[in-house]
Amino acid sequence: AADLAQGKADAQVLEAEAQQKATVLAAEAEQKAIVLKAQADRQSQVLKAQATAEAVHIVTQALKQDPQAMDAGQILLALGYLDMGGAIGSSDSSKVMFMDPKSIPAAIQGMMSMVDEKNPSA
């Protein structure tokens, strides 16, 4: 009877140790996953920043070579502004945007006048 009780006690100790090891391994795996995700997010942000810097450099070079490229830059800026508003508006979260209500029509008016200047027959 004493041997049976000792065997049960040993089995319980082994089971508790196994559960403890499993808990530690799960926590370590979760920690590694968090670190890997953070590293991937960081790398993604660095690549996006590098792409933005390269795009700015290309635009700067184009503006230096052709001063009329500024018109195209203004159109791209206005389109980017409109895209940003659409992206913000389509998200599920609540939002409040403070903007000059004249800015969007003015941007569109500016784009239309630039197109009209380029195409006098229109």
C-alpha atoms as a PDB file:
ATOM      1  CA  ALA A   1       0.000   0.000   0.000  1.00  0.00           C
ATOM      2  CA  ALA A   2       2.877   2.324   0.820  1.00  0.00           C
ATOM      3  CA  ASP A   3       4.485   1.557  -2.532  1.00  0.00           C
ATOM      4  CA  LEU A   4       1.214   2.321  -4.327  1.00  0.00           C
ATOM      5  CA  ALA A   5       0.861   5.646  -2.495  1.00  0.00           C
ATOM      6  CA  GLN A   6       4.491   6.512  -3.259  1.00  0.00           C
ATOM      7  CA  GLY A   7       3.959   5.625  -6.941  1.00  0.00           C
ATOM      8  CA  LYS A   8       0.899   7.904  -7.110  1.00  0.00           C
ATOM      9  CA  ALA A   9       2.816  10.747  -5.464  1.00  0.00           C
ATOM     10  CA  ASP A  10       5.718  10.318  -7.893  1.00  0.00           C
ATOM     11  CA  ALA A  11       3.317  10.322 -10.839  1.00  0.00           C
ATOM     12  CA  GLN A  12       1.685  13.532  -9.604  1.00  0.00           C
ATOM     13  CA  VAL A  13       5.093  15.200  -9.223  1.00  0.00           C
ATOM     14  CA  LEU A  14       6.086  14.139 -12.739  1.00  0.00           C
ATOM     15  CA  GLU A  15       2.794  15.406 -14.137  1.00  0.00           C
ATOM     16  CA  ALA A  16       3.181  18.765 -12.357  1.00  0.00           C
ATOM     17  CA  GLU A  17       6.742  19.116 -13.679  1.00  0.00           C
ATOM     18  CA  ALA A  18       5.572  18.285 -17.205  1.00  0.00           C
ATOM     19  CA  GLN A  19       2.808  20.890 -16.985  1.00  0.00           C
ATOM     20  CA  GLN A  20       5.291  23.474 -15.692  1.00  0.00           C
ATOM     21  CA  LYS A  21       7.683  22.742 -18.579  1.00  0.00           C
ATOM     22  CA  ALA A  22       4.827  22.971 -21.071  1.00  0.00           C
ATOM     23  CA  THR A  23       3.785  26.348 -19.640  1.00  0.00           C
ATOM     24  CA  VAL A  24       7.357  27.662 -19.838  1.00  0.00           C
ATOM     25  CA  LEU A  25       7.760  26.420 -23.421  1.00  0.00           C
ATOM     26  CA  ALA A  26       4.468  28.015 -24.451  1.00  0.00           C
ATOM     27  CA  ALA A  27       5.493  31.342 -22.883  1.00  0.00           C
ATOM     28  CA  GLU A  28       8.882  31.218 -24.625  1.00  0.00           C
ATOM     29  CA  ALA A  29       7.220  30.456 -27.962  1.00  0.00           C
ATOM     30  CA  GLU A  30       4.810  33.366 -27.484  1.00  0.00           C
ATOM     31  CA  GLN A  31       7.710  35.677 -26.622  1.00  0.00           C
ATOM     32  CA  LYS A  32       9.598  34.621 -29.768  1.00  0.00           C
ATOM     33  CA  ALA A  33       6.497  35.189 -31.888  1.00  0.00           C
ATOM     34  CA  ILE A  34       6.072  38.706 -30.464  1.00  0.00           C
ATOM     35  CA  VAL A  35       9.735  39.533 -31.133  1.00  0.00           C
ATOM     36  CA  LEU A  36       9.544  38.183 -34.701  1.00  0.00           C
ATOM     37  CA  LYS A  37       6.394  40.189 -35.410  1.00  0.00           C
ATOM     38  CA  ALA A  38       7.984  43.359 -34.019  1.00  0.00           C
ATOM     39  CA  GLN A  39      11.062  42.792 -36.188  1.00  0.00           C
ATOM     40  CA  ALA A  40       8.883  42.258 -39.269  1.00  0.00           C
ATOM     41  CA  ASP A  41       6.894  45.434 -38.503  1.00  0.00           C
ATOM     42  CA  ARG A  42      10.126  47.392 -38.089  1.00  0.00           C
ATOM     43  CA  GLN A  43      11.511  46.083 -41.369  1.00  0.00           C
ATOM     44  CA  SER A  44       8.265  46.971 -43.123  1.00  0.00           C
ATOM     45  CA  GLN A  45       8.392  50.530 -41.765  1.00  0.00           C
ATOM     46  CA  VAL A  46      12.031  50.927 -42.825  1.00  0.00           C
ATOM     47  CA  LEU A  47      11.248  49.719 -46.350  1.00  0.00           C
ATOM     48  CA  LYS A  48       8.267  52.078 -46.616  1.00  0.00           C
ATOM     49  CA  ALA A  49      10.395  54.997 -45.414  1.00  0.00           C
ATOM     50  CA  GLN A  50      13.099  54.136 -47.943  1.00  0.00           C
ATOM     51  CA  ALA A  51      10.513  53.954 -50.730  1.00  0.00           C
ATOM     52  CA  THR A  52       9.094  57.333 -49.711  1.00  0.00           C
ATOM     53  CA  ALA A  53      12.567  58.879 -49.643  1.00  0.00           C
ATOM     54  CA  GLU A  54      13.286  57.476 -53.105  1.00  0.00           C
ATOM     55  CA  ALA A  55       9.982  58.811 -54.443  1.00  0.00           C
ATOM     56  CA  VAL A  56      10.701  62.271 -53.011  1.00  0.00           C
ATOM     57  CA  HIS A  57      14.138  62.205 -54.636  1.00  0.00           C
ATOM     58  CA  ILE A  58      12.633  61.288 -58.021  1.00  0.00           C
ATOM     59  CA  VAL A  59      10.060  64.080 -57.774  1.00  0.00           C
ATOM     60  CA  THR A  60      12.748  66.573 -56.743  1.00  0.00           C
ATOM     61  CA  GLN A  61      14.880  65.629 -59.740  1.00  0.00           C
ATOM     62  CA  ALA A  62      11.887  65.934 -62.079  1.00  0.00           C
ATOM     63  CA  LEU A  63      11.087  69.400 -60.726  1.00  0.00           C
ATOM     64  CA  LYS A  64      14.689  70.510 -61.233  1.00  0.00           C
ATOM     65  CA  GLN A  65      14.666  69.297 -64.852  1.00  0.00           C
ATOM     66  CA  ASP A  66      11.227  70.615 -65.812  1.00  0.00           C
ATOM     67  CA  PRO A  67       9.709  73.527 -63.870  1.00  0.00           C
ATOM     68  CA  GLN A  68       6.291  72.755 -65.408  1.00  0.00           C
ATOM     69  CA  ALA A  69       6.380  69.433 -63.584  1.00  0.00           C
ATOM     70  CA  MET A  70       5.163  71.452 -60.587  1.00  0.00           C
ATOM     71  CA  ASP A  71       1.679  71.385 -62.147  1.00  0.00           C
ATOM     72  CA  ALA A  72       1.748  67.592 -62.192  1.00  0.00           C
ATOM     73  CA  GLY A  73       3.038  67.606 -58.627  1.00  0.00           C
ATOM     74  CA  GLN A  74       0.126  69.757 -57.512  1.00  0.00           C
ATOM     75  CA  ILE A  75      -2.315  67.379 -59.202  1.00  0.00           C
ATOM     76  CA  LEU A  76      -0.679  64.379 -57.523  1.00  0.00           C
ATOM     77  CA  LEU A  77      -0.779  66.166 -54.179  1.00  0.00           C
ATOM     78  CA  ALA A  78      -4.486  66.944 -54.573  1.00  0.00           C
ATOM     79  CA  LEU A  79      -5.232  63.349 -55.613  1.00  0.00           C
ATOM     80  CA  GLY A  80      -3.267  62.040 -52.639  1.00  0.00           C
ATOM     81  CA  TYR A  81      -5.238  64.343 -50.361  1.00  0.00           C
ATOM     82  CA  LEU A  82      -8.516  63.019 -51.771  1.00  0.00           C
ATOM     83  CA  ASP A  83      -7.330  59.398 -51.463  1.00  0.00           C
ATOM     84  CA  MET A  84      -6.357  60.006 -47.845  1.00  0.00           C
ATOM     85  CA  GLY A  85      -9.837  61.299 -47.048  1.00  0.00           C
ATOM     86  CA  GLY A  86     -11.391  58.252 -48.706  1.00  0.00           C
ATOM     87  CA  ALA A  87      -9.136  55.869 -46.794  1.00  0.00           C
ATOM     88  CA  ILE A  88      -9.913  57.557 -43.496  1.00  0.00           C
ATOM     89  CA  GLY A  89     -13.623  57.583 -44.270  1.00  0.00           C
ATOM     90  CA  SER A  90     -13.725  53.886 -45.162  1.00  0.00           C
ATOM     91  CA  SER A  91     -12.180  52.697 -41.896  1.00  0.00           C
ATOM     92  CA  ASP A  92     -14.446  51.178 -39.242  1.00  0.00           C
ATOM     93  CA  SER A  93     -13.307  53.506 -36.470  1.00  0.00           C
ATOM     94  CA  SER A  94     -14.956  56.776 -35.579  1.00  0.00           C
ATOM     95  CA  LYS A  95     -13.266  59.841 -36.914  1.00  0.00           C
ATOM     96  CA  VAL A  96     -13.460  63.599 -37.006  1.00  0.00           C
ATOM     97  CA  MET A  97     -11.636  65.461 -39.744  1.00  0.00           C
ATOM     98  CA  PHE A  98     -11.042  69.162 -39.413  1.00  0.00           C
ATOM     99  CA  MET A  99     -10.448  70.669 -42.802  1.00  0.00           C
ATOM    100  CA  ASP A 100     -11.107  73.804 -44.713  1.00  0.00           C
ATOM    101  CA  PRO A 101     -14.271  73.031 -46.674  1.00  0.00           C
ATOM    102  CA  LYS A 102     -12.934  75.178 -49.514  1.00  0.00           C
ATOM    103  CA  SER A 103      -9.765  73.134 -49.900  1.00  0.00           C
ATOM    104  CA  ILE A 104     -11.177  70.197 -51.874  1.00  0.00           C
ATOM    105  CA  PRO A 105     -13.184  72.242 -54.385  1.00  0.00           C
ATOM    106  CA  ALA A 106     -10.214  74.594 -54.741  1.00  0.00           C
ATOM    107  CA  ALA A 107      -7.912  71.654 -55.461  1.00  0.00           C
ATOM    108  CA  ILE A 108     -10.319  70.291 -58.062  1.00  0.00           C
ATOM    109  CA  GLN A 109     -10.725  73.777 -59.568  1.00  0.00           C
ATOM    110  CA  GLY A 110      -6.939  74.084 -59.762  1.00  0.00           C
ATOM    111  CA  MET A 111      -6.638  70.719 -61.507  1.00  0.00           C
ATOM    112  CA  MET A 112      -9.352  71.674 -63.993  1.00  0.00           C
ATOM    113  CA  SER A 113      -7.687  75.010 -64.782  1.00  0.00           C
ATOM    114  CA  MET A 114      -4.338  73.274 -65.346  1.00  0.00           C
ATOM    115  CA  VAL A 115      -5.966  70.809 -67.738  1.00  0.00           C
ATOM    116  CA  ASP A 116      -7.738  73.677 -69.533  1.00  0.00           C
ATOM    117  CA  GLU A 117      -4.425  75.547 -69.891  1.00  0.00           C
ATOM    118  CA  LYS A 118      -2.796  72.476 -71.433  1.00  0.00           C
ATOM    119  CA  ASN A 119      -5.729  71.847 -73.820  1.00  0.00           C
ATOM    120  CA  PRO A 120      -6.943  75.230 -75.140  1.00  0.00           C
ATOM    121  CA  SER A 121      -9.272  73.485 -77.610  1.00  0.00           C
ATOM    122  CA  ALA A 122     -11.363  72.016 -74.794  1.00  0.00           C
END
